[in-house]
Each structure stands twice: as structure tokens, then as C-alpha cells.
Amino acid sequence: MLSSSFANEVTNIKNLVINKELKRYKDITFLDTRDNKLDLKDYEGSLIILNFWATWCAPCKEEMPSLDSLTKISNLNNLKIFPINIGNDTSQKSIKFFEDLEVKNLDIYFDNPITLAKKFGLRGIPTSIIFNKEGLEFARIIGSINFTDEKFIKWLSNYN
């Protein structure tokens, strides 16, 4: 019974695709602004959103402030958000992008030469991949979304 009401709830959230099967990936690494390598497995135990974006992407620009605001939702205190620039933009250009949008709560990350875009089979940006506490992908947001939408926050809170 829970799964059918869950399915109905999910269909009301724009661009959200729930995986029929959980997906595990090996070696999910990306870089911070100082070229330090971060490994997704180090964040298991947290709900994780990897948000793929670029400075030239208009829908990315539109959704980034709401992604930033998602960090302030108190019942999502176990959520880690990693906005990963895959547009070959420089650190300076990415920092200016965040400053222009008044993004204050998120750090900037970059795809490393292994290219996560290929590993995840991204077809466009923005795309956000959501991982559960065990490090398994269970959902994707394909295209832009308002991350502060009440339906989305309520849905995401179920996994926190």
C-alpha cells in the first residue's frame, strides 16, 4: 500500500525519475576548487545530491539559488549537496557565477578527467543524481527543478 501512494506522490514532482533498481557505482570522485580529490564513498551515511551544471547553462542558473536554499531546510540536516561543474569552466568563472546568483551555502566542485558525465550517462544539464545513505543512486532529476518546492522537500525528507 505504501508503494502505490509513494508512486502517486512522485508523479507530481517535475523532472523527478525514480530508479526501478538501485544503482551502485565504483570510484565516484570529483575535485574541489583546490584540485583536491573527493570520494563519494566517504559520505556514505548521508543523503547525497550530485548536481551537474555549467556557467553557460540557463536552466542551471535558474535552479542554483533554490539548490542553495535547500541547505537551510532543518529536517534535511543529513543532506550533502555537491554542485559539480562539468562545463570546463575555470574556478574564477564558477565563483563569479555563484557570486552573481548570491549562492552562499554551497561549495563549488569540478568533474575530474575521468568524467562523471560519461560514467552517469548524462544527456544534458542540469541533472541531479540522488544517492541514499548506502551510496546507491535511487533517483535523478533530469532538467531544472525548484528544490524548495514543498512536495519535493517532503519527498526527500523520507530518505534523510
C-alpha atoms as a PDB file:
ATOM      1  CA  MET A   1       0.000   0.000   0.000  1.00  0.00           C
ATOM      2  CA  LEU A   2       2.785   2.414   0.847  1.00  0.00           C
ATOM      3  CA  SER A   3       4.441   1.893  -2.536  1.00  0.00           C
ATOM      4  CA  SER A   4       1.327   2.831  -4.505  1.00  0.00           C
ATOM      5  CA  SER A   5       0.788   6.080  -2.583  1.00  0.00           C
ATOM      6  CA  PHE A   6       4.516   6.752  -2.898  1.00  0.00           C
ATOM      7  CA  ALA A   7       4.307   6.296  -6.672  1.00  0.00           C
ATOM      8  CA  ASN A   8       1.377   8.713  -6.868  1.00  0.00           C
ATOM      9  CA  GLU A   9       3.264  11.308  -4.849  1.00  0.00           C
ATOM     10  CA  VAL A  10       6.342  11.022  -7.046  1.00  0.00           C
ATOM     11  CA  THR A  11       4.459  11.618 -10.298  1.00  0.00           C
ATOM     12  CA  ASN A  12       3.585  15.112  -9.068  1.00  0.00           C
ATOM     13  CA  ILE A  13       7.230  16.223  -8.884  1.00  0.00           C
ATOM     14  CA  LYS A  14       8.526  17.768 -12.091  1.00  0.00           C
ATOM     15  CA  ASN A  15      11.518  16.063 -13.742  1.00  0.00           C
ATOM     16  CA  LEU A  16      11.974  13.501 -10.929  1.00  0.00           C
ATOM     17  CA  VAL A  17      12.704   9.974 -12.112  1.00  0.00           C
ATOM     18  CA  ILE A  18      12.777   7.155  -9.548  1.00  0.00           C
ATOM     19  CA  ASN A  19      15.020   4.215 -10.396  1.00  0.00           C
ATOM     20  CA  LYS A  20      13.297   0.864 -10.577  1.00  0.00           C
ATOM     21  CA  GLU A  21      16.510  -0.665  -9.274  1.00  0.00           C
ATOM     22  CA  LEU A  22      19.143   0.937  -7.065  1.00  0.00           C
ATOM     23  CA  LYS A  23      22.442   1.585  -8.844  1.00  0.00           C
ATOM     24  CA  ARG A  24      25.899   1.234  -7.333  1.00  0.00           C
ATOM     25  CA  TYR A  25      28.899   2.923  -8.907  1.00  0.00           C
ATOM     26  CA  LYS A  26      32.584   2.469  -8.208  1.00  0.00           C
ATOM     27  CA  ASP A  27      35.105   5.264  -7.950  1.00  0.00           C
ATOM     28  CA  ILE A  28      32.912   8.367  -7.884  1.00  0.00           C
ATOM     29  CA  THR A  29      35.457  11.117  -7.415  1.00  0.00           C
ATOM     30  CA  PHE A  30      35.439  14.820  -8.150  1.00  0.00           C
ATOM     31  CA  LEU A  31      37.574  17.847  -7.371  1.00  0.00           C
ATOM     32  CA  ASP A  32      37.196  20.881  -5.125  1.00  0.00           C
ATOM     33  CA  THR A  33      38.417  24.350  -6.144  1.00  0.00           C
ATOM     34  CA  ARG A  34      41.950  23.495  -4.933  1.00  0.00           C
ATOM     35  CA  ASP A  35      42.088  20.308  -7.077  1.00  0.00           C
ATOM     36  CA  ASN A  36      41.731  18.077  -4.021  1.00  0.00           C
ATOM     37  CA  LYS A  37      40.019  14.811  -4.894  1.00  0.00           C
ATOM     38  CA  LEU A  38      36.835  13.913  -3.015  1.00  0.00           C
ATOM     39  CA  ASP A  39      35.393  10.408  -2.994  1.00  0.00           C
ATOM     40  CA  LEU A  40      31.651   9.894  -2.746  1.00  0.00           C
ATOM     41  CA  LYS A  41      32.094   6.766  -0.605  1.00  0.00           C
ATOM     42  CA  ASP A  42      33.486   8.990   2.163  1.00  0.00           C
ATOM     43  CA  TYR A  43      29.996  10.465   2.542  1.00  0.00           C
ATOM     44  CA  GLU A  44      28.031   7.229   2.938  1.00  0.00           C
ATOM     45  CA  GLY A  45      25.591   7.568   5.810  1.00  0.00           C
ATOM     46  CA  SER A  46      24.314  10.848   4.338  1.00  0.00           C
ATOM     47  CA  LEU A  47      21.693  11.561   1.727  1.00  0.00           C
ATOM     48  CA  ILE A  48      23.616  12.986  -1.246  1.00  0.00           C
ATOM     49  CA  ILE A  49      22.729  15.112  -4.243  1.00  0.00           C
ATOM     50  CA  LEU A  50      25.252  15.452  -7.053  1.00  0.00           C
ATOM     51  CA  ASN A  51      24.112  18.392  -9.164  1.00  0.00           C
ATOM     52  CA  PHE A  52      25.763  18.702 -12.584  1.00  0.00           C
ATOM     53  CA  TRP A  53      25.862  22.213 -14.031  1.00  0.00           C
ATOM     54  CA  ALA A  54      27.835  24.766 -16.075  1.00  0.00           C
ATOM     55  CA  THR A  55      28.057  28.565 -16.078  1.00  0.00           C
ATOM     56  CA  TRP A  56      26.687  28.806 -19.644  1.00  0.00           C
ATOM     57  CA  CYS A  57      23.566  26.750 -18.797  1.00  0.00           C
ATOM     58  CA  ALA A  58      20.489  28.990 -18.377  1.00  0.00           C
ATOM     59  CA  PRO A  59      18.366  26.341 -16.552  1.00  0.00           C
ATOM     60  CA  CYS A  60      21.322  25.740 -14.197  1.00  0.00           C
ATOM     61  CA  LYS A  61      21.376  29.447 -13.404  1.00  0.00           C
ATOM     62  CA  GLU A  62      17.646  29.329 -12.745  1.00  0.00           C
ATOM     63  CA  GLU A  63      17.763  26.400 -10.290  1.00  0.00           C
ATOM     64  CA  MET A  64      21.014  27.082  -8.415  1.00  0.00           C
ATOM     65  CA  PRO A  65      19.535  29.562  -5.884  1.00  0.00           C
ATOM     66  CA  SER A  66      16.877  27.024  -4.847  1.00  0.00           C
ATOM     67  CA  LEU A  67      19.555  24.323  -4.524  1.00  0.00           C
ATOM     68  CA  ASP A  68      21.457  26.728  -2.273  1.00  0.00           C
ATOM     69  CA  SER A  69      18.305  27.302  -0.187  1.00  0.00           C
ATOM     70  CA  LEU A  70      17.824  23.541   0.216  1.00  0.00           C
ATOM     71  CA  THR A  71      20.843  23.564   2.534  1.00  0.00           C
ATOM     72  CA  LYS A  72      18.853  25.604   5.063  1.00  0.00           C
ATOM     73  CA  ILE A  73      15.933  23.143   5.431  1.00  0.00           C
ATOM     74  CA  SER A  74      16.203  21.952   9.021  1.00  0.00           C
ATOM     75  CA  ASN A  75      14.649  18.498   8.531  1.00  0.00           C
ATOM     76  CA  LEU A  76      17.259  17.759   5.817  1.00  0.00           C
ATOM     77  CA  ASN A  77      20.243  18.088   8.143  1.00  0.00           C
ATOM     78  CA  ASN A  78      21.752  14.815   6.878  1.00  0.00           C
ATOM     79  CA  LEU A  79      21.798  16.044   3.261  1.00  0.00           C
ATOM     80  CA  LYS A  80      25.104  16.690   1.460  1.00  0.00           C
ATOM     81  CA  ILE A  81      24.957  18.653  -1.797  1.00  0.00           C
ATOM     82  CA  PHE A  82      27.789  18.690  -4.316  1.00  0.00           C
ATOM     83  CA  PRO A  83      27.270  21.052  -7.281  1.00  0.00           C
ATOM     84  CA  ILE A  84      29.742  19.722  -9.862  1.00  0.00           C
ATOM     85  CA  ASN A  85      30.673  21.946 -12.783  1.00  0.00           C
ATOM     86  CA  ILE A  86      31.051  19.844 -15.943  1.00  0.00           C
ATOM     87  CA  GLY A  87      31.281  22.790 -18.349  1.00  0.00           C
ATOM     88  CA  ASN A  88      35.085  23.110 -18.402  1.00  0.00           C
ATOM     89  CA  ASP A  89      34.672  26.478 -16.667  1.00  0.00           C
ATOM     90  CA  THR A  90      37.533  27.939 -14.661  1.00  0.00           C
ATOM     91  CA  SER A  91      37.365  28.299 -10.893  1.00  0.00           C
ATOM     92  CA  GLN A  92      37.168  32.081 -11.263  1.00  0.00           C
ATOM     93  CA  LYS A  93      34.268  31.902 -13.719  1.00  0.00           C
ATOM     94  CA  SER A  94      32.435  29.425 -11.462  1.00  0.00           C
ATOM     95  CA  ILE A  95      32.993  31.573  -8.368  1.00  0.00           C
ATOM     96  CA  LYS A  96      31.629  34.630 -10.213  1.00  0.00           C
ATOM     97  CA  PHE A  97      28.593  32.556 -11.288  1.00  0.00           C
ATOM     98  CA  PHE A  98      27.883  31.709  -7.615  1.00  0.00           C
ATOM     99  CA  GLU A  99      28.509  35.312  -6.505  1.00  0.00           C
ATOM    100  CA  ASP A 100      26.177  36.736  -9.191  1.00  0.00           C
ATOM    101  CA  LEU A 101      23.428  34.369  -8.026  1.00  0.00           C
ATOM    102  CA  GLU A 102      24.184  35.085  -4.344  1.00  0.00           C
ATOM    103  CA  VAL A 103      24.838  31.394  -3.662  1.00  0.00           C
ATOM    104  CA  LYS A 104      26.324  31.394  -0.169  1.00  0.00           C
ATOM    105  CA  ASN A 105      25.834  27.908   1.289  1.00  0.00           C
ATOM    106  CA  LEU A 106      27.283  25.661  -1.415  1.00  0.00           C
ATOM    107  CA  ASP A 107      30.857  24.932  -2.387  1.00  0.00           C
ATOM    108  CA  ILE A 108      31.940  24.522  -6.000  1.00  0.00           C
ATOM    109  CA  TYR A 109      33.220  21.199  -7.304  1.00  0.00           C
ATOM    110  CA  PHE A 110      34.528  20.088 -10.677  1.00  0.00           C
ATOM    111  CA  ASP A 111      34.356  16.907 -12.694  1.00  0.00           C
ATOM    112  CA  ASN A 112      37.756  15.304 -12.831  1.00  0.00           C
ATOM    113  CA  PRO A 113      39.369  13.949 -16.006  1.00  0.00           C
ATOM    114  CA  ILE A 114      37.595  10.594 -15.512  1.00  0.00           C
ATOM    115  CA  THR A 115      34.376  12.437 -16.457  1.00  0.00           C
ATOM    116  CA  LEU A 116      31.431  11.614 -14.292  1.00  0.00           C
ATOM    117  CA  ALA A 117      29.181  12.882 -17.081  1.00  0.00           C
ATOM    118  CA  LYS A 118      30.105   9.796 -19.100  1.00  0.00           C
ATOM    119  CA  LYS A 119      30.021   7.452 -16.110  1.00  0.00           C
ATOM    120  CA  PHE A 120      26.460   8.513 -15.247  1.00  0.00           C
ATOM    121  CA  GLY A 121      25.342   8.748 -18.879  1.00  0.00           C
ATOM    122  CA  LEU A 122      24.182  12.349 -18.557  1.00  0.00           C
ATOM    123  CA  ARG A 123      22.168  13.543 -21.548  1.00  0.00           C
ATOM    124  CA  GLY A 124      22.085  17.185 -20.559  1.00  0.00           C
ATOM    125  CA  ILE A 125      22.361  19.614 -17.705  1.00  0.00           C
ATOM    126  CA  PRO A 126      21.240  20.389 -15.179  1.00  0.00           C
ATOM    127  CA  THR A 127      20.944  16.844 -13.922  1.00  0.00           C
ATOM    128  CA  SER A 128      20.910  15.914 -10.249  1.00  0.00           C
ATOM    129  CA  ILE A 129      21.581  12.385  -9.038  1.00  0.00           C
ATOM    130  CA  ILE A 130      20.316  11.423  -5.602  1.00  0.00           C
ATOM    131  CA  PHE A 131      22.058   8.770  -3.524  1.00  0.00           C
ATOM    132  CA  ASN A 132      20.681   7.095  -0.399  1.00  0.00           C
ATOM    133  CA  LYS A 133      22.650   6.628   2.827  1.00  0.00           C
ATOM    134  CA  GLU A 134      24.160   3.394   1.471  1.00  0.00           C
ATOM    135  CA  GLY A 135      25.645   5.259  -1.501  1.00  0.00           C
ATOM    136  CA  LEU A 136      23.186   3.866  -4.058  1.00  0.00           C
ATOM    137  CA  GLU A 137      21.562   6.009  -6.742  1.00  0.00           C
ATOM    138  CA  PHE A 138      17.811   5.829  -6.310  1.00  0.00           C
ATOM    139  CA  ALA A 139      16.591   8.869  -8.245  1.00  0.00           C
ATOM    140  CA  ARG A 140      17.508  11.542 -10.773  1.00  0.00           C
ATOM    141  CA  ILE A 141      16.225  14.962 -11.586  1.00  0.00           C
ATOM    142  CA  ILE A 142      16.601  15.493 -15.315  1.00  0.00           C
ATOM    143  CA  GLY A 143      16.358  19.180 -16.107  1.00  0.00           C
ATOM    144  CA  SER A 144      15.802  22.048 -13.723  1.00  0.00           C
ATOM    145  CA  ILE A 145      13.645  21.928 -10.633  1.00  0.00           C
ATOM    146  CA  ASN A 146      12.665  24.200  -7.789  1.00  0.00           C
ATOM    147  CA  PHE A 147      14.489  22.444  -4.959  1.00  0.00           C
ATOM    148  CA  THR A 148      12.463  24.363  -2.364  1.00  0.00           C
ATOM    149  CA  ASP A 149       9.139  23.060  -3.679  1.00  0.00           C
ATOM    150  CA  GLU A 150       7.185  21.673  -0.698  1.00  0.00           C
ATOM    151  CA  LYS A 151       6.325  18.398  -2.468  1.00  0.00           C
ATOM    152  CA  PHE A 152       9.987  17.783  -3.286  1.00  0.00           C
ATOM    153  CA  ILE A 153      11.165  18.593   0.247  1.00  0.00           C
ATOM    154  CA  LYS A 154       8.520  16.316   1.754  1.00  0.00           C
ATOM    155  CA  TRP A 155       9.524  13.504  -0.610  1.00  0.00           C
ATOM    156  CA  LEU A 156      13.252  13.965   0.024  1.00  0.00           C
ATOM    157  CA  SER A 157      12.694  14.072   3.800  1.00  0.00           C
ATOM    158  CA  ASN A 158      11.585  10.448   3.653  1.00  0.00           C
ATOM    159  CA  TYR A 159      15.176   9.469   2.886  1.00  0.00           C
ATOM    160  CA  ASN A 160      17.047  11.774   5.256  1.00  0.00           C
END
